[in-house]
């Protein structure tokens, strides 16, 4: 809420809900996710540290 303008809060809520249904579950499609760089799950489980 601190990052997004109040005018789009209603729309963004639906977008995040859709993202959760279509990308995150039942099997995560992390590579396809548009917000994977800020996702804690992606960054701790899927993202590999460079060697």
C-alpha atoms as a PDB file:
ATOM      1  CA  UNK A   1       0.000   0.000   0.000  1.00  0.00           C
ATOM      2  CA  UNK A   2       2.949   2.318   0.568  1.00  0.00           C
ATOM      3  CA  UNK A   3       4.230   1.773  -2.964  1.00  0.00           C
ATOM      4  CA  UNK A   4       1.015   1.865  -4.994  1.00  0.00           C
ATOM      5  CA  UNK A   5      -1.343   4.804  -5.507  1.00  0.00           C
ATOM      6  CA  UNK A   6      -4.634   4.551  -3.631  1.00  0.00           C
ATOM      7  CA  UNK A   7      -6.588   4.901  -6.901  1.00  0.00           C
ATOM      8  CA  UNK A   8      -5.549   1.397  -8.029  1.00  0.00           C
ATOM      9  CA  UNK A   9      -5.849  -0.487  -4.721  1.00  0.00           C
ATOM     10  CA  UNK A  10      -9.093  -2.207  -5.800  1.00  0.00           C
ATOM     11  CA  UNK A  11      -7.665  -3.282  -9.134  1.00  0.00           C
ATOM     12  CA  UNK A  12      -4.359  -4.410  -7.695  1.00  0.00           C
ATOM     13  CA  UNK A  13      -6.150  -6.580  -5.135  1.00  0.00           C
ATOM     14  CA  UNK A  14      -7.892  -8.473  -7.918  1.00  0.00           C
ATOM     15  CA  UNK A  15      -4.649  -8.721  -9.902  1.00  0.00           C
ATOM     16  CA  UNK A  16      -2.787 -10.196  -6.937  1.00  0.00           C
ATOM     17  CA  UNK A  17      -5.639 -12.631  -6.319  1.00  0.00           C
ATOM     18  CA  UNK A  18      -5.515 -13.756  -9.960  1.00  0.00           C
ATOM     19  CA  UNK A  19      -1.728 -14.052  -9.792  1.00  0.00           C
ATOM     20  CA  UNK A  20      -2.044 -16.306  -6.758  1.00  0.00           C
ATOM     21  CA  UNK A  21      -4.608 -18.562  -8.425  1.00  0.00           C
ATOM     22  CA  UNK A  22      -2.883 -18.821 -11.784  1.00  0.00           C
ATOM     23  CA  UNK A  23       0.846 -18.620 -11.012  1.00  0.00           C
ATOM     24  CA  UNK A  24       1.457 -19.601  -7.380  1.00  0.00           C
ATOM     25  CA  UNK A  25      -0.796 -22.653  -7.016  1.00  0.00           C
ATOM     26  CA  UNK A  26      -1.140 -25.591  -7.052  1.00  0.00           C
ATOM     27  CA  UNK A  27       2.355 -25.915  -8.481  1.00  0.00           C
ATOM     28  CA  UNK A  28       4.249 -22.620  -8.539  1.00  0.00           C
ATOM     29  CA  UNK A  29       5.250 -21.300 -11.968  1.00  0.00           C
ATOM     30  CA  UNK A  30       7.936 -19.049 -10.528  1.00  0.00           C
ATOM     31  CA  UNK A  31       9.834 -18.558 -13.781  1.00  0.00           C
ATOM     32  CA  UNK A  32       6.666 -17.104 -15.376  1.00  0.00           C
ATOM     33  CA  UNK A  33       5.786 -14.864 -12.447  1.00  0.00           C
ATOM     34  CA  UNK A  34       6.084 -11.132 -13.154  1.00  0.00           C
ATOM     35  CA  UNK A  35       6.999 -10.370  -9.526  1.00  0.00           C
ATOM     36  CA  UNK A  36       9.376 -13.241  -8.786  1.00  0.00           C
ATOM     37  CA  UNK A  37      12.276 -10.883  -8.052  1.00  0.00           C
ATOM     38  CA  UNK A  38      10.430  -9.575  -4.975  1.00  0.00           C
ATOM     39  CA  UNK A  39       8.929 -12.923  -3.949  1.00  0.00           C
ATOM     40  CA  UNK A  40      10.352 -14.413  -0.756  1.00  0.00           C
ATOM     41  CA  UNK A  41       9.395 -17.952  -1.803  1.00  0.00           C
ATOM     42  CA  UNK A  42      11.113 -17.657  -5.191  1.00  0.00           C
ATOM     43  CA  UNK A  43      14.222 -16.070  -3.738  1.00  0.00           C
ATOM     44  CA  UNK A  44      14.645 -18.702  -1.021  1.00  0.00           C
ATOM     45  CA  UNK A  45      13.562 -21.881  -2.828  1.00  0.00           C
ATOM     46  CA  UNK A  46      14.115 -21.464  -6.553  1.00  0.00           C
ATOM     47  CA  UNK A  47      16.746 -18.833  -7.118  1.00  0.00           C
ATOM     48  CA  UNK A  48      20.214 -20.287  -7.102  1.00  0.00           C
ATOM     49  CA  UNK A  49      23.257 -18.369  -5.946  1.00  0.00           C
ATOM     50  CA  UNK A  50      25.853 -17.783  -8.671  1.00  0.00           C
ATOM     51  CA  UNK A  51      28.943 -19.954  -8.355  1.00  0.00           C
END
